[in-house]
Amino acid sequence: MAGYRIGADENGLGARLGPLVVTAVLARVDDGGERLMKRRLPAKIRRDLGDSKKLISHKDYALGEAWARALVREPKLTPSELLAELTLETGAELRAPCPGHVESQCWSHAGETFCADDELLERVRGHRDALRARGVDVLRVKSSVMCTQRLNTQRENGHNRFVSDLHAMERLVLSLRRHAGADVTAICGKVGGMGEYSKFFGPLSGWLHAIIEQGRARSAYRFPGLGELHFVRDADARDPLVMLASLVGKYVRELMMARVGRFYDADAVGDPAARPSGYSDPVTARFVASTMLLRKKRHVPDTCFERARDWDVRS
């Protein structure tokens, strides 16, 4: 009997620059698909579907792009069109926090091209079809994008990055539940050090729910009229749908980080080794220091460029 499953994960939670991207994948799964989800994937598929941290990097994210292109409802001609199809928020909603003179830092798509070659794209489409044939039919993929300015504003309002991550997961699950038209089982990557999620819920805070379990490895909740949410440690290395979400989310984040780099140094971004990842590494540190004068000249608010220091959540 077919049911609906969601896999969700974040990219960029611990970054210094760039957006926090939370992605969720919805699939219709039959009995054969349930068995497949509990076993190790076939070797041919594992080549391109696994822990995103091991398969792609900020220097080479073509695989994430290939999965994003393979999972959308119809082919897209440009990265900008693909991003618009993937994001949960509308373009106007995403640009709302942007000062007009800084908007192109994150939203200029001049010069963007796809990087996945035809062979990789066809191989990944073959994996998609193989998953469908085995009972896992991916229906929809969506990413929620929270820019640096939005994260800093939410922090000022008392919501740290972990809470922002959780609330984005909730929004995505609610959206995909509406699309499915039936209850779902959602597997989400663990959020920070959280063990008890109920008191941090945002979009789901008014929903009646029962606690299934709460612990370091897994916290799970049942919501009447929605289904179940499971927050699972290392889900991106175990659950195929979470793996897919992480790969697509990695692509979305790297696409936007490339835009940030290009806004300040069009020449350097052509070299992947010079492209900042946005994390706390030497290349990013040099990028922050080298752009200081240019940012001041262009009147770029610090809150649009770099995240304020955050605090942890442990409970």
C-alpha atoms as a PDB file:
ATOM      1  CA  MET A   1       0.000   0.000   0.000  1.00  0.00           C
ATOM      2  CA  ALA A   2       1.445   3.344  -1.077  1.00  0.00           C
ATOM      3  CA  GLY A   3       2.131   6.140   1.397  1.00  0.00           C
ATOM      4  CA  TYR A   4       3.945   9.452   1.395  1.00  0.00           C
ATOM      5  CA  ARG A   5       7.381  10.113   2.799  1.00  0.00           C
ATOM      6  CA  ILE A   6       9.432  13.278   3.134  1.00  0.00           C
ATOM      7  CA  GLY A   7      13.163  13.673   3.597  1.00  0.00           C
ATOM      8  CA  ALA A   8      14.462  17.050   4.819  1.00  0.00           C
ATOM      9  CA  ASP A   9      17.885  18.460   5.639  1.00  0.00           C
ATOM     10  CA  GLU A  10      19.795  21.743   5.913  1.00  0.00           C
ATOM     11  CA  ASN A  11      22.847  23.195   4.207  1.00  0.00           C
ATOM     12  CA  GLY A  12      24.807  26.125   5.600  1.00  0.00           C
ATOM     13  CA  LEU A  13      23.722  25.943   9.239  1.00  0.00           C
ATOM     14  CA  GLY A  14      27.248  26.580  10.544  1.00  0.00           C
ATOM     15  CA  ALA A  15      28.348  28.981   7.819  1.00  0.00           C
ATOM     16  CA  ARG A  16      29.754  32.469   8.267  1.00  0.00           C
ATOM     17  CA  LEU A  17      28.485  33.866   4.950  1.00  0.00           C
ATOM     18  CA  GLY A  18      25.629  33.051   2.634  1.00  0.00           C
ATOM     19  CA  PRO A  19      22.170  31.598   3.130  1.00  0.00           C
ATOM     20  CA  LEU A  20      20.850  28.810   5.282  1.00  0.00           C
ATOM     21  CA  VAL A  21      19.071  26.462   2.872  1.00  0.00           C
ATOM     22  CA  VAL A  22      16.599  23.844   4.092  1.00  0.00           C
ATOM     23  CA  THR A  23      15.337  21.364   1.497  1.00  0.00           C
ATOM     24  CA  ALA A  24      12.632  18.706   1.546  1.00  0.00           C
ATOM     25  CA  VAL A  25      11.777  15.955  -0.931  1.00  0.00           C
ATOM     26  CA  LEU A  26       8.327  14.340  -1.168  1.00  0.00           C
ATOM     27  CA  ALA A  27       7.892  10.824  -2.561  1.00  0.00           C
ATOM     28  CA  ARG A  28       5.108   8.305  -2.943  1.00  0.00           C
ATOM     29  CA  VAL A  29       6.466   5.029  -1.557  1.00  0.00           C
ATOM     30  CA  ASP A  30       4.907   1.571  -1.955  1.00  0.00           C
ATOM     31  CA  ASP A  31       5.746  -1.623  -0.068  1.00  0.00           C
ATOM     32  CA  GLY A  32       8.715  -2.334  -2.317  1.00  0.00           C
ATOM     33  CA  GLY A  33       9.927   1.221  -1.827  1.00  0.00           C
ATOM     34  CA  GLU A  34       9.684   0.865   1.943  1.00  0.00           C
ATOM     35  CA  ARG A  35      11.915  -2.196   1.768  1.00  0.00           C
ATOM     36  CA  LEU A  36      14.360  -0.330  -0.467  1.00  0.00           C
ATOM     37  CA  MET A  37      14.525   2.585   1.965  1.00  0.00           C
ATOM     38  CA  LYS A  38      15.538   0.247   4.783  1.00  0.00           C
ATOM     39  CA  ARG A  39      18.342  -1.451   2.844  1.00  0.00           C
ATOM     40  CA  ARG A  40      21.560  -0.271   1.327  1.00  0.00           C
ATOM     41  CA  LEU A  41      20.907   1.232  -2.086  1.00  0.00           C
ATOM     42  CA  PRO A  42      22.161  -0.618  -5.188  1.00  0.00           C
ATOM     43  CA  ALA A  43      25.817   0.130  -5.910  1.00  0.00           C
ATOM     44  CA  LYS A  44      25.028   1.862  -9.207  1.00  0.00           C
ATOM     45  CA  ILE A  45      22.754   4.379  -7.452  1.00  0.00           C
ATOM     46  CA  ARG A  46      25.080   4.783  -4.441  1.00  0.00           C
ATOM     47  CA  ARG A  47      27.672   6.213  -6.796  1.00  0.00           C
ATOM     48  CA  ASP A  48      25.535   9.361  -7.056  1.00  0.00           C
ATOM     49  CA  LEU A  49      23.219   9.212  -4.043  1.00  0.00           C
ATOM     50  CA  GLY A  50      24.721   9.313  -0.575  1.00  0.00           C
ATOM     51  CA  ASP A  51      26.060  11.710   2.035  1.00  0.00           C
ATOM     52  CA  SER A  52      26.382  15.068   0.240  1.00  0.00           C
ATOM     53  CA  LYS A  53      29.471  15.951   2.281  1.00  0.00           C
ATOM     54  CA  LYS A  54      31.285  13.043   0.649  1.00  0.00           C
ATOM     55  CA  LEU A  55      29.940  13.422  -2.881  1.00  0.00           C
ATOM     56  CA  ILE A  56      30.161  17.162  -3.593  1.00  0.00           C
ATOM     57  CA  SER A  57      31.921  20.304  -2.406  1.00  0.00           C
ATOM     58  CA  HIS A  58      31.813  24.035  -3.018  1.00  0.00           C
ATOM     59  CA  LYS A  59      34.435  23.479  -5.723  1.00  0.00           C
ATOM     60  CA  ASP A  60      32.362  20.872  -7.570  1.00  0.00           C
ATOM     61  CA  TYR A  61      28.615  20.725  -7.055  1.00  0.00           C
ATOM     62  CA  ALA A  62      27.592  19.429 -10.490  1.00  0.00           C
ATOM     63  CA  LEU A  63      26.025  16.311  -8.952  1.00  0.00           C
ATOM     64  CA  GLY A  64      23.705  18.412  -6.794  1.00  0.00           C
ATOM     65  CA  GLU A  65      22.721  20.412  -9.852  1.00  0.00           C
ATOM     66  CA  ALA A  66      22.053  17.216 -11.819  1.00  0.00           C
ATOM     67  CA  TRP A  67      19.700  15.901  -9.123  1.00  0.00           C
ATOM     68  CA  ALA A  68      17.915  19.266  -8.918  1.00  0.00           C
ATOM     69  CA  ARG A  69      17.388  19.292 -12.687  1.00  0.00           C
ATOM     70  CA  ALA A  70      16.267  15.660 -12.706  1.00  0.00           C
ATOM     71  CA  LEU A  71      13.681  16.136  -9.954  1.00  0.00           C
ATOM     72  CA  VAL A  72      11.871  19.291 -11.111  1.00  0.00           C
ATOM     73  CA  ARG A  73       8.592  18.895 -12.970  1.00  0.00           C
ATOM     74  CA  GLU A  74       9.882  20.091 -16.342  1.00  0.00           C
ATOM     75  CA  PRO A  75      13.310  20.988 -17.769  1.00  0.00           C
ATOM     76  CA  LYS A  76      14.605  24.463 -16.957  1.00  0.00           C
ATOM     77  CA  LEU A  77      16.748  26.435 -19.373  1.00  0.00           C
ATOM     78  CA  THR A  78      18.815  28.435 -16.858  1.00  0.00           C
ATOM     79  CA  PRO A  79      20.003  28.145 -13.243  1.00  0.00           C
ATOM     80  CA  SER A  80      17.810  31.137 -12.360  1.00  0.00           C
ATOM     81  CA  GLU A  81      14.693  29.377 -13.700  1.00  0.00           C
ATOM     82  CA  LEU A  82      15.660  26.222 -11.828  1.00  0.00           C
ATOM     83  CA  LEU A  83      16.125  28.149  -8.582  1.00  0.00           C
ATOM     84  CA  ALA A  84      12.703  29.782  -8.982  1.00  0.00           C
ATOM     85  CA  GLU A  85      11.155  26.328  -9.400  1.00  0.00           C
ATOM     86  CA  LEU A  86      12.943  24.950  -6.340  1.00  0.00           C
ATOM     87  CA  THR A  87      12.336  27.689  -3.777  1.00  0.00           C
ATOM     88  CA  LEU A  88       9.363  27.487  -1.442  1.00  0.00           C
ATOM     89  CA  GLU A  89       9.275  31.271  -1.215  1.00  0.00           C
ATOM     90  CA  THR A  90       8.433  33.535  -4.154  1.00  0.00           C
ATOM     91  CA  GLY A  91      11.067  35.790  -5.671  1.00  0.00           C
ATOM     92  CA  ALA A  92       9.403  38.821  -4.091  1.00  0.00           C
ATOM     93  CA  GLU A  93       9.445  37.173  -0.663  1.00  0.00           C
ATOM     94  CA  LEU A  94      13.116  36.281  -0.999  1.00  0.00           C
ATOM     95  CA  ARG A  95      14.088  39.799  -2.033  1.00  0.00           C
ATOM     96  CA  ALA A  96      11.957  41.557   0.573  1.00  0.00           C
ATOM     97  CA  PRO A  97      14.784  42.129   3.143  1.00  0.00           C
ATOM     98  CA  CYS A  98      17.222  43.421   0.483  1.00  0.00           C
ATOM     99  CA  PRO A  99      18.239  47.094   0.320  1.00  0.00           C
ATOM    100  CA  GLY A 100      17.803  48.008  -3.347  1.00  0.00           C
ATOM    101  CA  HIS A 101      21.463  48.825  -3.963  1.00  0.00           C
ATOM    102  CA  VAL A 102      22.594  45.453  -2.546  1.00  0.00           C
ATOM    103  CA  GLU A 103      19.985  43.172  -4.111  1.00  0.00           C
ATOM    104  CA  SER A 104      22.303  41.964  -6.881  1.00  0.00           C
ATOM    105  CA  GLN A 105      24.717  40.517  -4.266  1.00  0.00           C
ATOM    106  CA  CYS A 106      22.414  37.504  -3.960  1.00  0.00           C
ATOM    107  CA  TRP A 107      20.023  37.789  -6.890  1.00  0.00           C
ATOM    108  CA  SER A 108      22.044  38.742  -9.954  1.00  0.00           C
ATOM    109  CA  HIS A 109      22.165  35.750 -12.304  1.00  0.00           C
ATOM    110  CA  ALA A 110      24.286  37.353 -15.024  1.00  0.00           C
ATOM    111  CA  GLY A 111      26.732  34.877 -16.526  1.00  0.00           C
ATOM    112  CA  GLU A 112      25.302  31.793 -14.791  1.00  0.00           C
ATOM    113  CA  THR A 113      25.391  28.497 -16.653  1.00  0.00           C
ATOM    114  CA  PHE A 114      24.733  24.884 -15.762  1.00  0.00           C
ATOM    115  CA  CYS A 115      27.833  22.867 -14.879  1.00  0.00           C
ATOM    116  CA  ALA A 116      26.524  19.270 -15.004  1.00  0.00           C
ATOM    117  CA  ASP A 117      27.358  17.649 -18.337  1.00  0.00           C
ATOM    118  CA  ASP A 118      24.861  15.615 -20.375  1.00  0.00           C
ATOM    119  CA  GLU A 119      26.339  12.286 -19.289  1.00  0.00           C
ATOM    120  CA  LEU A 120      25.956  13.065 -15.593  1.00  0.00           C
ATOM    121  CA  LEU A 121      22.449  14.438 -16.064  1.00  0.00           C
ATOM    122  CA  GLU A 122      21.281  11.350 -17.964  1.00  0.00           C
ATOM    123  CA  ARG A 123      22.878   9.044 -15.387  1.00  0.00           C
ATOM    124  CA  VAL A 124      21.038  10.787 -12.549  1.00  0.00           C
ATOM    125  CA  ARG A 125      17.759  10.710 -14.479  1.00  0.00           C
ATOM    126  CA  GLY A 126      18.345   6.984 -14.819  1.00  0.00           C
ATOM    127  CA  HIS A 127      18.691   6.710 -11.035  1.00  0.00           C
ATOM    128  CA  ARG A 128      15.437   8.641 -10.608  1.00  0.00           C
ATOM    129  CA  ASP A 129      13.665   6.222 -12.937  1.00  0.00           C
ATOM    130  CA  ALA A 130      15.221   3.220 -11.169  1.00  0.00           C
ATOM    131  CA  LEU A 131      13.977   4.496  -7.797  1.00  0.00           C
ATOM    132  CA  ARG A 132      10.504   4.931  -9.262  1.00  0.00           C
ATOM    133  CA  ALA A 133      10.547   1.410 -10.669  1.00  0.00           C
ATOM    134  CA  ARG A 134      11.509   0.100  -7.226  1.00  0.00           C
ATOM    135  CA  GLY A 135       8.654   1.930  -5.499  1.00  0.00           C
ATOM    136  CA  VAL A 136      10.068   5.361  -4.589  1.00  0.00           C
ATOM    137  CA  ASP A 137       8.433   7.953  -6.840  1.00  0.00           C
ATOM    138  CA  VAL A 138       9.777  11.444  -6.120  1.00  0.00           C
ATOM    139  CA  LEU A 139       6.941  13.941  -6.613  1.00  0.00           C
ATOM    140  CA  ARG A 140       8.280  17.292  -5.460  1.00  0.00           C
ATOM    141  CA  VAL A 141      11.358  19.029  -4.114  1.00  0.00           C
ATOM    142  CA  LYS A 142      11.401  22.435  -2.426  1.00  0.00           C
ATOM    143  CA  SER A 143      14.025  24.573  -0.680  1.00  0.00           C
ATOM    144  CA  SER A 144      13.471  27.328   1.867  1.00  0.00           C
ATOM    145  CA  VAL A 145      16.187  29.986   1.579  1.00  0.00           C
ATOM    146  CA  MET A 146      17.057  32.259   4.506  1.00  0.00           C
ATOM    147  CA  CYS A 147      19.553  34.951   3.558  1.00  0.00           C
ATOM    148  CA  THR A 148      22.092  36.456   5.939  1.00  0.00           C
ATOM    149  CA  GLN A 149      19.957  39.537   6.562  1.00  0.00           C
ATOM    150  CA  ARG A 150      16.916  37.425   7.436  1.00  0.00           C
ATOM    151  CA  LEU A 151      18.967  35.220   9.785  1.00  0.00           C
ATOM    152  CA  ASN A 152      20.405  38.262  11.537  1.00  0.00           C
ATOM    153  CA  THR A 153      16.934  39.782  11.926  1.00  0.00           C
ATOM    154  CA  GLN A 154      15.543  36.549  13.320  1.00  0.00           C
ATOM    155  CA  ARG A 155      18.451  36.366  15.758  1.00  0.00           C
ATOM    156  CA  GLU A 156      17.620  39.884  16.976  1.00  0.00           C
ATOM    157  CA  ASN A 157      14.064  38.661  17.511  1.00  0.00           C
ATOM    158  CA  GLY A 158      15.284  35.792  19.689  1.00  0.00           C
ATOM    159  CA  HIS A 159      15.402  32.999  17.096  1.00  0.00           C
ATOM    160  CA  ASN A 160      18.877  31.567  16.589  1.00  0.00           C
ATOM    161  CA  ARG A 161      19.929  29.638  13.473  1.00  0.00           C
ATOM    162  CA  PHE A 162      18.820  26.291  14.940  1.00  0.00           C
ATOM    163  CA  VAL A 163      15.306  27.595  15.519  1.00  0.00           C
ATOM    164  CA  SER A 164      15.301  29.151  12.028  1.00  0.00           C
ATOM    165  CA  ASP A 165      16.327  25.763  10.625  1.00  0.00           C
ATOM    166  CA  LEU A 166      13.545  23.973  12.520  1.00  0.00           C
ATOM    167  CA  HIS A 167      10.861  26.452  11.471  1.00  0.00           C
ATOM    168  CA  ALA A 168      11.902  26.118   7.819  1.00  0.00           C
ATOM    169  CA  MET A 169      11.575  22.340   8.086  1.00  0.00           C
ATOM    170  CA  GLU A 170       8.096  22.788   9.533  1.00  0.00           C
ATOM    171  CA  ARG A 171       7.038  25.093   6.682  1.00  0.00           C
ATOM    172  CA  LEU A 172       8.337  22.654   4.098  1.00  0.00           C
ATOM    173  CA  VAL A 173       6.602  19.658   5.669  1.00  0.00           C
ATOM    174  CA  LEU A 174       3.306  21.551   5.841  1.00  0.00           C
ATOM    175  CA  SER A 175       3.619  22.606   2.192  1.00  0.00           C
ATOM    176  CA  LEU A 176       4.446  19.095   0.978  1.00  0.00           C
ATOM    177  CA  ARG A 177       1.660  17.613   3.127  1.00  0.00           C
ATOM    178  CA  ARG A 178      -0.811  19.879   1.304  1.00  0.00           C
ATOM    179  CA  HIS A 179       0.632  18.767  -2.028  1.00  0.00           C
ATOM    180  CA  ALA A 180       0.354  15.088  -1.091  1.00  0.00           C
ATOM    181  CA  GLY A 181      -3.228  15.430   0.135  1.00  0.00           C
ATOM    182  CA  ALA A 182      -2.614  12.717   2.729  1.00  0.00           C
ATOM    183  CA  ASP A 183      -0.648  12.183   5.929  1.00  0.00           C
ATOM    184  CA  VAL A 184       3.122  11.946   5.571  1.00  0.00           C
ATOM    185  CA  THR A 185       6.062  10.460   7.422  1.00  0.00           C
ATOM    186  CA  ALA A 186       8.833  13.057   7.446  1.00  0.00           C
ATOM    187  CA  ILE A 187      12.447  12.173   8.258  1.00  0.00           C
ATOM    188  CA  CYS A 188      14.468  15.291   9.070  1.00  0.00           C
ATOM    189  CA  GLY A 189      18.090  15.756   9.975  1.00  0.00           C
ATOM    190  CA  LYS A 190      18.623  16.470  13.678  1.00  0.00           C
ATOM    191  CA  VAL A 191      18.642  20.198  14.441  1.00  0.00           C
ATOM    192  CA  GLY A 192      21.624  21.276  16.529  1.00  0.00           C
ATOM    193  CA  GLY A 193      21.670  19.744  19.989  1.00  0.00           C
ATOM    194  CA  MET A 194      17.886  19.624  20.336  1.00  0.00           C
ATOM    195  CA  GLY A 195      16.298  16.666  22.040  1.00  0.00           C
ATOM    196  CA  GLU A 196      12.915  18.166  22.960  1.00  0.00           C
ATOM    197  CA  TYR A 197      11.429  19.922  19.942  1.00  0.00           C
ATOM    198  CA  SER A 198       7.901  20.766  21.110  1.00  0.00           C
ATOM    199  CA  LYS A 199       8.802  24.011  22.870  1.00  0.00           C
ATOM    200  CA  PHE A 200      10.703  25.277  19.816  1.00  0.00           C
ATOM    201  CA  PHE A 201       8.016  24.584  17.192  1.00  0.00           C
ATOM    202  CA  GLY A 202       6.940  27.636  15.196  1.00  0.00           C
ATOM    203  CA  PRO A 203       4.512  26.905  12.323  1.00  0.00           C
ATOM    204  CA  LEU A 204       3.485  23.721  14.161  1.00  0.00           C
ATOM    205  CA  SER A 205       3.272  25.294  17.606  1.00  0.00           C
ATOM    206  CA  GLY A 206      -0.520  25.366  17.585  1.00  0.00           C
ATOM    207  CA  TRP A 207      -0.921  21.791  16.401  1.00  0.00           C
ATOM    208  CA  LEU A 208      -1.998  19.033  18.738  1.00  0.00           C
ATOM    209  CA  HIS A 209       0.695  16.373  18.814  1.00  0.00           C
ATOM    210  CA  ALA A 210       1.892  13.357  20.738  1.00  0.00           C
ATOM    211  CA  ILE A 211       5.493  12.545  21.601  1.00  0.00           C
ATOM    212  CA  ILE A 212       6.597   9.192  20.196  1.00  0.00           C
ATOM    213  CA  GLU A 213      10.139   9.387  21.543  1.00  0.00           C
ATOM    214  CA  GLN A 214      12.796  11.955  22.430  1.00  0.00           C
ATOM    215  CA  GLY A 215      16.502  11.283  22.605  1.00  0.00           C
ATOM    216  CA  ARG A 216      19.927  12.078  21.243  1.00  0.00           C
ATOM    217  CA  ALA A 217      19.621   9.788  18.229  1.00  0.00           C
ATOM    218  CA  ARG A 218      15.946  10.369  17.371  1.00  0.00           C
ATOM    219  CA  SER A 219      13.044  12.565  18.429  1.00  0.00           C
ATOM    220  CA  ALA A 220       9.649  11.762  16.897  1.00  0.00           C
ATOM    221  CA  TYR A 221       6.168  13.296  17.038  1.00  0.00           C
ATOM    222  CA  ARG A 222       2.710  12.390  15.709  1.00  0.00           C
ATOM    223  CA  PHE A 223       0.419  15.170  14.459  1.00  0.00           C
ATOM    224  CA  PRO A 224      -3.237  14.338  13.701  1.00  0.00           C
ATOM    225  CA  GLY A 225      -4.042  15.523  10.182  1.00  0.00           C
ATOM    226  CA  LEU A 226      -0.359  15.823   9.259  1.00  0.00           C
ATOM    227  CA  GLY A 227       1.428  12.574  10.030  1.00  0.00           C
ATOM    228  CA  GLU A 228       4.736  11.969  11.788  1.00  0.00           C
ATOM    229  CA  LEU A 229       7.930  14.014  12.087  1.00  0.00           C
ATOM    230  CA  HIS A 230      11.153  12.210  12.984  1.00  0.00           C
ATOM    231  CA  PHE A 231      14.358  14.151  13.672  1.00  0.00           C
ATOM    232  CA  VAL A 232      17.156  11.642  13.136  1.00  0.00           C
ATOM    233  CA  ARG A 233      20.889  11.942  13.759  1.00  0.00           C
ATOM    234  CA  ASP A 234      23.020  11.322  10.626  1.00  0.00           C
ATOM    235  CA  ALA A 235      19.878  10.971   8.497  1.00  0.00           C
ATOM    236  CA  ASP A 236      21.751  12.444   5.510  1.00  0.00           C
ATOM    237  CA  ALA A 237      23.958   9.353   5.473  1.00  0.00           C
ATOM    238  CA  ARG A 238      21.137   6.812   5.949  1.00  0.00           C
ATOM    239  CA  ASP A 239      17.830   7.897   4.415  1.00  0.00           C
ATOM    240  CA  PRO A 240      17.703   8.184   0.584  1.00  0.00           C
ATOM    241  CA  LEU A 241      15.196  11.045   0.575  1.00  0.00           C
ATOM    242  CA  VAL A 242      17.230  13.013   3.115  1.00  0.00           C
ATOM    243  CA  MET A 243      20.289  12.362   0.935  1.00  0.00           C
ATOM    244  CA  LEU A 244      18.422  13.806  -2.051  1.00  0.00           C
ATOM    245  CA  ALA A 245      17.334  16.842  -0.047  1.00  0.00           C
ATOM    246  CA  SER A 246      20.892  17.477   1.090  1.00  0.00           C
ATOM    247  CA  LEU A 247      22.324  17.173  -2.433  1.00  0.00           C
ATOM    248  CA  VAL A 248      19.775  19.581  -3.914  1.00  0.00           C
ATOM    249  CA  GLY A 249      20.166  21.992  -0.988  1.00  0.00           C
ATOM    250  CA  LYS A 250      23.922  21.965  -1.442  1.00  0.00           C
ATOM    251  CA  TYR A 251      23.456  23.021  -5.046  1.00  0.00           C
ATOM    252  CA  VAL A 252      21.092  25.864  -4.098  1.00  0.00           C
ATOM    253  CA  ARG A 253      23.502  27.184  -1.483  1.00  0.00           C
ATOM    254  CA  GLU A 254      26.560  26.952  -3.747  1.00  0.00           C
ATOM    255  CA  LEU A 255      24.711  28.698  -6.580  1.00  0.00           C
ATOM    256  CA  MET A 256      23.975  31.594  -4.249  1.00  0.00           C
ATOM    257  CA  MET A 257      27.471  31.675  -2.754  1.00  0.00           C
ATOM    258  CA  ALA A 258      28.862  31.929  -6.301  1.00  0.00           C
ATOM    259  CA  ARG A 259      26.660  34.989  -6.787  1.00  0.00           C
ATOM    260  CA  VAL A 260      28.076  36.582  -3.635  1.00  0.00           C
ATOM    261  CA  GLY A 261      31.620  35.936  -4.819  1.00  0.00           C
ATOM    262  CA  ARG A 262      30.888  37.261  -8.301  1.00  0.00           C
ATOM    263  CA  PHE A 263      29.358  40.458  -6.885  1.00  0.00           C
ATOM    264  CA  TYR A 264      32.703  41.375  -5.335  1.00  0.00           C
ATOM    265  CA  ASP A 265      35.215  39.797  -7.699  1.00  0.00           C
ATOM    266  CA  ALA A 266      34.011  38.637 -11.105  1.00  0.00           C
ATOM    267  CA  ASP A 267      37.479  37.368 -12.083  1.00  0.00           C
ATOM    268  CA  ALA A 268      38.258  35.316  -8.972  1.00  0.00           C
ATOM    269  CA  VAL A 269      34.978  33.426  -9.034  1.00  0.00           C
ATOM    270  CA  GLY A 270      35.972  31.801 -12.306  1.00  0.00           C
ATOM    271  CA  ASP A 271      38.535  29.838 -10.294  1.00  0.00           C
ATOM    272  CA  PRO A 272      36.788  27.369  -7.938  1.00  0.00           C
ATOM    273  CA  ALA A 273      39.810  27.402  -5.628  1.00  0.00           C
ATOM    274  CA  ALA A 274      39.329  31.149  -5.077  1.00  0.00           C
ATOM    275  CA  ARG A 275      35.556  30.902  -4.564  1.00  0.00           C
ATOM    276  CA  PRO A 276      34.594  31.346  -0.886  1.00  0.00           C
ATOM    277  CA  SER A 277      32.656  28.491   0.682  1.00  0.00           C
ATOM    278  CA  GLY A 278      31.187  30.842   3.277  1.00  0.00           C
ATOM    279  CA  TYR A 279      32.367  28.630   6.139  1.00  0.00           C
ATOM    280  CA  SER A 280      35.143  29.401   8.621  1.00  0.00           C
ATOM    281  CA  ASP A 281      38.089  28.530   6.410  1.00  0.00           C
ATOM    282  CA  PRO A 282      41.142  30.484   5.165  1.00  0.00           C
ATOM    283  CA  VAL A 283      39.669  31.280   1.721  1.00  0.00           C
ATOM    284  CA  THR A 284      36.509  32.718   3.261  1.00  0.00           C
ATOM    285  CA  ALA A 285      38.512  34.674   5.839  1.00  0.00           C
ATOM    286  CA  ARG A 286      40.620  36.223   3.053  1.00  0.00           C
ATOM    287  CA  PHE A 287      37.457  37.009   1.104  1.00  0.00           C
ATOM    288  CA  VAL A 288      35.926  38.819   4.083  1.00  0.00           C
ATOM    289  CA  ALA A 289      39.095  40.850   4.630  1.00  0.00           C
ATOM    290  CA  SER A 290      39.712  41.639   0.947  1.00  0.00           C
ATOM    291  CA  THR A 291      36.164  42.887   0.337  1.00  0.00           C
ATOM    292  CA  MET A 292      36.013  45.196   3.346  1.00  0.00           C
ATOM    293  CA  LEU A 293      36.810  48.425   1.478  1.00  0.00           C
ATOM    294  CA  LEU A 294      34.615  47.541  -1.476  1.00  0.00           C
ATOM    295  CA  ARG A 295      31.702  46.761   0.828  1.00  0.00           C
ATOM    296  CA  LYS A 296      32.167  50.114   2.533  1.00  0.00           C
ATOM    297  CA  LYS A 297      32.334  51.888  -0.828  1.00  0.00           C
ATOM    298  CA  ARG A 298      29.132  50.173  -1.981  1.00  0.00           C
ATOM    299  CA  HIS A 299      27.417  50.806   1.372  1.00  0.00           C
ATOM    300  CA  VAL A 300      26.731  47.129   1.957  1.00  0.00           C
ATOM    301  CA  PRO A 301      25.253  46.683   5.460  1.00  0.00           C
ATOM    302  CA  ASP A 302      27.243  44.230   7.564  1.00  0.00           C
ATOM    303  CA  THR A 303      23.974  42.441   8.348  1.00  0.00           C
ATOM    304  CA  CYS A 304      23.529  41.628   4.641  1.00  0.00           C
ATOM    305  CA  PHE A 305      27.019  40.179   4.345  1.00  0.00           C
ATOM    306  CA  GLU A 306      28.040  38.277   7.480  1.00  0.00           C
ATOM    307  CA  ARG A 307      26.089  36.454  10.160  1.00  0.00           C
ATOM    308  CA  ALA A 308      26.216  37.710  13.721  1.00  0.00           C
ATOM    309  CA  ARG A 309      27.595  35.291  16.303  1.00  0.00           C
ATOM    310  CA  ASP A 310      24.966  32.847  17.437  1.00  0.00           C
ATOM    311  CA  TRP A 311      24.178  30.839  20.533  1.00  0.00           C
ATOM    312  CA  ASP A 312      23.455  27.144  20.873  1.00  0.00           C
ATOM    313  CA  VAL A 313      20.302  25.195  21.702  1.00  0.00           C
ATOM    314  CA  ARG A 314      20.617  22.197  23.966  1.00  0.00           C
ATOM    315  CA  SER A 315      17.575  20.679  25.614  1.00  0.00           C
END
